[in-house]
Amino acid sequence: MENKVSKFSDALTAACDKSFKKARTPTKTQKHKTVPWWTEDLTVARKRVNAFRRKYQRTKNNTTTREQRKMEYQAEKA
């Protein structure tokens, strides 16, 4: 009886494998698509600009400091 159950289970598994799509586990390259022109220097520059932007956006009480940080952010962004 166990032999027949095992054969039935194997046949059912094989039928399911053929008829249903399997979800692939994403690898590192599939998860994040890369472009050839993006470099480490661009990553550092992007993080630096974002840091200046966050610093500017978080300054709300002092208008002179806010204007100064806005100019710094715009200069860094350029």
N, C-alpha and C. Protein backbone atom coordinates (compact mmCIF):
# COMPACT_ATOMS: atom_id res chain seq x y z
N MET A 1 0.82 -1.19 0.00
CA MET A 1 0.00 0.00 0.00
C MET A 1 0.87 1.27 0.00
N GLU A 2 1.95 1.24 0.82
CA GLU A 2 2.84 2.41 0.88
C GLU A 2 3.52 2.64 -0.46
N ASN A 3 3.84 1.59 -1.18
CA ASN A 3 4.47 1.71 -2.48
C ASN A 3 3.54 2.43 -3.46
N LYS A 4 2.26 2.07 -3.47
CA LYS A 4 1.31 2.71 -4.35
C LYS A 4 1.09 4.17 -3.98
N VAL A 5 1.06 4.48 -2.70
CA VAL A 5 0.90 5.86 -2.24
C VAL A 5 2.12 6.68 -2.66
N SER A 6 3.30 6.11 -2.53
CA SER A 6 4.52 6.80 -2.92
C SER A 6 4.54 7.08 -4.43
N LYS A 7 4.15 6.08 -5.25
CA LYS A 7 4.11 6.28 -6.70
C LYS A 7 3.07 7.35 -7.07
N PHE A 8 1.91 7.32 -6.41
CA PHE A 8 0.89 8.32 -6.68
C PHE A 8 1.38 9.72 -6.31
N SER A 9 2.04 9.82 -5.17
CA SER A 9 2.58 11.10 -4.73
C SER A 9 3.62 11.63 -5.70
N ASP A 10 4.51 10.74 -6.18
CA ASP A 10 5.53 11.15 -7.15
C ASP A 10 4.88 11.60 -8.47
N ALA A 11 3.87 10.88 -8.91
CA ALA A 11 3.18 11.24 -10.15
C ALA A 11 2.47 12.58 -10.01
N LEU A 12 1.85 12.79 -8.86
CA LEU A 12 1.16 14.05 -8.61
C LEU A 12 2.14 15.22 -8.55
N THR A 13 3.26 15.00 -7.90
CA THR A 13 4.30 16.04 -7.82
C THR A 13 4.84 16.37 -9.21
N ALA A 14 5.09 15.36 -10.02
CA ALA A 14 5.60 15.58 -11.37
C ALA A 14 4.57 16.34 -12.21
N ALA A 15 3.29 15.99 -12.09
CA ALA A 15 2.25 16.69 -12.84
C ALA A 15 2.16 18.16 -12.42
N CYS A 16 2.27 18.41 -11.14
CA CYS A 16 2.23 19.79 -10.65
C CYS A 16 3.44 20.58 -11.13
N ASP A 17 4.61 19.95 -11.11
CA ASP A 17 5.82 20.63 -11.55
C ASP A 17 5.73 21.03 -13.02
N LYS A 18 5.10 20.20 -13.83
CA LYS A 18 4.99 20.51 -15.25
C LYS A 18 3.91 21.56 -15.53
N SER A 19 2.86 21.59 -14.75
CA SER A 19 1.74 22.47 -15.07
C SER A 19 1.79 23.83 -14.38
N PHE A 20 2.45 23.96 -13.24
CA PHE A 20 2.51 25.23 -12.52
C PHE A 20 3.86 25.89 -12.71
N LYS A 21 3.83 27.22 -12.75
CA LYS A 21 5.08 27.97 -12.82
C LYS A 21 5.73 28.00 -11.45
N LYS A 22 7.04 27.89 -11.46
CA LYS A 22 7.78 27.95 -10.20
C LYS A 22 8.32 29.36 -10.01
N ALA A 23 8.20 29.87 -8.80
CA ALA A 23 8.76 31.18 -8.49
C ALA A 23 10.25 31.03 -8.30
N ARG A 24 10.97 31.82 -9.02
CA ARG A 24 12.42 31.77 -8.88
C ARG A 24 12.86 32.63 -7.71
N THR A 25 13.86 32.18 -7.01
CA THR A 25 14.41 32.99 -5.94
C THR A 25 15.35 34.00 -6.58
N PRO A 26 15.15 35.28 -6.31
CA PRO A 26 15.97 36.29 -6.97
C PRO A 26 17.41 36.24 -6.47
N THR A 27 18.31 36.26 -7.40
CA THR A 27 19.71 36.36 -7.04
C THR A 27 20.07 37.82 -6.89
N LYS A 28 21.27 38.10 -6.51
CA LYS A 28 21.67 39.48 -6.29
C LYS A 28 21.59 40.29 -7.57
N THR A 29 21.96 39.70 -8.70
CA THR A 29 21.92 40.44 -9.95
C THR A 29 20.49 40.63 -10.45
N GLN A 30 19.61 39.70 -10.17
CA GLN A 30 18.23 39.84 -10.61
C GLN A 30 17.46 40.79 -9.70
N LYS A 31 17.84 40.85 -8.46
CA LYS A 31 17.14 41.68 -7.49
C LYS A 31 17.35 43.17 -7.79
N HIS A 32 18.58 43.55 -8.04
CA HIS A 32 18.91 44.94 -8.34
C HIS A 32 19.58 45.00 -9.70
N LYS A 33 18.89 45.59 -10.65
CA LYS A 33 19.47 45.71 -11.98
C LYS A 33 20.52 46.81 -11.95
N THR A 34 21.64 46.54 -12.53
CA THR A 34 22.73 47.51 -12.53
C THR A 34 22.90 48.08 -13.93
N VAL A 35 23.45 49.28 -13.97
CA VAL A 35 23.77 49.91 -15.24
C VAL A 35 25.27 50.11 -15.30
N PRO A 36 25.85 50.02 -16.48
CA PRO A 36 27.31 50.05 -16.57
C PRO A 36 27.94 51.39 -16.23
N TRP A 37 27.18 52.48 -16.36
CA TRP A 37 27.78 53.78 -16.13
C TRP A 37 27.74 54.22 -14.67
N TRP A 38 27.05 53.49 -13.80
CA TRP A 38 26.97 53.88 -12.38
C TRP A 38 28.23 53.42 -11.67
N THR A 39 28.91 54.35 -10.99
CA THR A 39 30.17 54.05 -10.33
C THR A 39 30.07 54.32 -8.83
N GLU A 40 31.10 53.93 -8.12
CA GLU A 40 31.16 54.20 -6.68
C GLU A 40 31.22 55.70 -6.40
N ASP A 41 31.87 56.46 -7.29
CA ASP A 41 31.94 57.91 -7.12
C ASP A 41 30.54 58.53 -7.18
N LEU A 42 29.71 58.03 -8.09
CA LEU A 42 28.33 58.53 -8.17
C LEU A 42 27.53 58.17 -6.93
N THR A 43 27.78 57.00 -6.38
CA THR A 43 27.10 56.59 -5.16
C THR A 43 27.46 57.52 -4.00
N VAL A 44 28.74 57.82 -3.88
CA VAL A 44 29.20 58.71 -2.81
C VAL A 44 28.63 60.11 -3.01
N ALA A 45 28.64 60.61 -4.24
CA ALA A 45 28.11 61.94 -4.52
C ALA A 45 26.61 62.00 -4.23
N ARG A 46 25.89 60.96 -4.58
CA ARG A 46 24.45 60.92 -4.32
C ARG A 46 24.16 60.94 -2.83
N LYS A 47 24.89 60.14 -2.08
CA LYS A 47 24.69 60.12 -0.63
C LYS A 47 25.03 61.47 -0.01
N ARG A 48 26.06 62.13 -0.52
CA ARG A 48 26.46 63.43 -0.01
C ARG A 48 25.37 64.48 -0.28
N VAL A 49 24.84 64.49 -1.50
CA VAL A 49 23.77 65.43 -1.85
C VAL A 49 22.54 65.18 -0.99
N ASN A 50 22.19 63.91 -0.80
CA ASN A 50 21.03 63.58 0.03
C ASN A 50 21.23 64.02 1.47
N ALA A 51 22.46 63.92 1.97
CA ALA A 51 22.74 64.37 3.34
C ALA A 51 22.55 65.88 3.45
N PHE A 52 23.03 66.64 2.46
CA PHE A 52 22.82 68.09 2.47
C PHE A 52 21.34 68.43 2.37
N ARG A 53 20.58 67.69 1.57
CA ARG A 53 19.15 67.94 1.43
C ARG A 53 18.42 67.67 2.74
N ARG A 54 18.76 66.56 3.39
CA ARG A 54 18.11 66.25 4.68
C ARG A 54 18.43 67.31 5.73
N LYS A 55 19.70 67.75 5.74
CA LYS A 55 20.08 68.78 6.71
C LYS A 55 19.30 70.07 6.46
N TYR A 56 19.14 70.44 5.19
CA TYR A 56 18.38 71.63 4.83
C TYR A 56 16.90 71.48 5.21
N GLN A 57 16.32 70.34 4.92
CA GLN A 57 14.90 70.14 5.17
C GLN A 57 14.57 70.07 6.66
N ARG A 58 15.51 69.63 7.46
CA ARG A 58 15.26 69.51 8.90
C ARG A 58 15.44 70.83 9.65
N THR A 59 16.03 71.83 9.00
CA THR A 59 16.21 73.13 9.64
C THR A 59 14.96 73.95 9.39
N LYS A 60 14.18 74.17 10.45
CA LYS A 60 12.91 74.87 10.27
C LYS A 60 12.80 76.14 11.12
N ASN A 61 13.46 76.20 12.25
CA ASN A 61 13.27 77.32 13.18
C ASN A 61 14.12 78.53 12.83
N ASN A 62 15.34 78.32 12.44
CA ASN A 62 16.27 79.42 12.20
C ASN A 62 16.32 79.72 10.70
N THR A 63 15.81 80.87 10.29
CA THR A 63 15.73 81.19 8.86
C THR A 63 17.09 81.44 8.24
N THR A 64 18.01 82.05 8.98
CA THR A 64 19.34 82.30 8.40
C THR A 64 20.09 81.00 8.18
N THR A 65 20.02 80.10 9.13
CA THR A 65 20.67 78.80 8.98
C THR A 65 20.01 78.01 7.86
N ARG A 66 18.70 78.12 7.76
CA ARG A 66 17.97 77.41 6.70
C ARG A 66 18.40 77.91 5.33
N GLU A 67 18.53 79.22 5.17
CA GLU A 67 18.96 79.78 3.89
C GLU A 67 20.40 79.36 3.56
N GLN A 68 21.25 79.35 4.59
CA GLN A 68 22.64 78.94 4.39
C GLN A 68 22.69 77.47 3.94
N ARG A 69 21.92 76.61 4.59
CA ARG A 69 21.92 75.19 4.24
C ARG A 69 21.25 74.96 2.88
N LYS A 70 20.29 75.81 2.54
CA LYS A 70 19.68 75.71 1.21
C LYS A 70 20.70 76.02 0.13
N MET A 71 21.51 77.04 0.35
CA MET A 71 22.56 77.39 -0.62
C MET A 71 23.61 76.27 -0.71
N GLU A 72 23.97 75.68 0.44
CA GLU A 72 24.92 74.58 0.43
C GLU A 72 24.37 73.38 -0.34
N TYR A 73 23.09 73.09 -0.10
CA TYR A 73 22.45 71.97 -0.80
C TYR A 73 22.41 72.22 -2.30
N GLN A 74 22.01 73.42 -2.72
CA GLN A 74 21.92 73.71 -4.13
C GLN A 74 23.30 73.68 -4.81
N ALA A 75 24.32 74.15 -4.09
CA ALA A 75 25.68 74.11 -4.64
C ALA A 75 26.15 72.67 -4.79
N GLU A 76 25.88 71.85 -3.80
CA GLU A 76 26.28 70.45 -3.86
C GLU A 76 25.50 69.70 -4.94
N LYS A 77 24.24 70.04 -5.09
CA LYS A 77 23.41 69.39 -6.10
C LYS A 77 23.90 69.72 -7.51
N ALA A 78 24.34 70.94 -7.70
CA ALA A 78 24.83 71.37 -9.02
C ALA A 78 26.10 70.62 -9.36
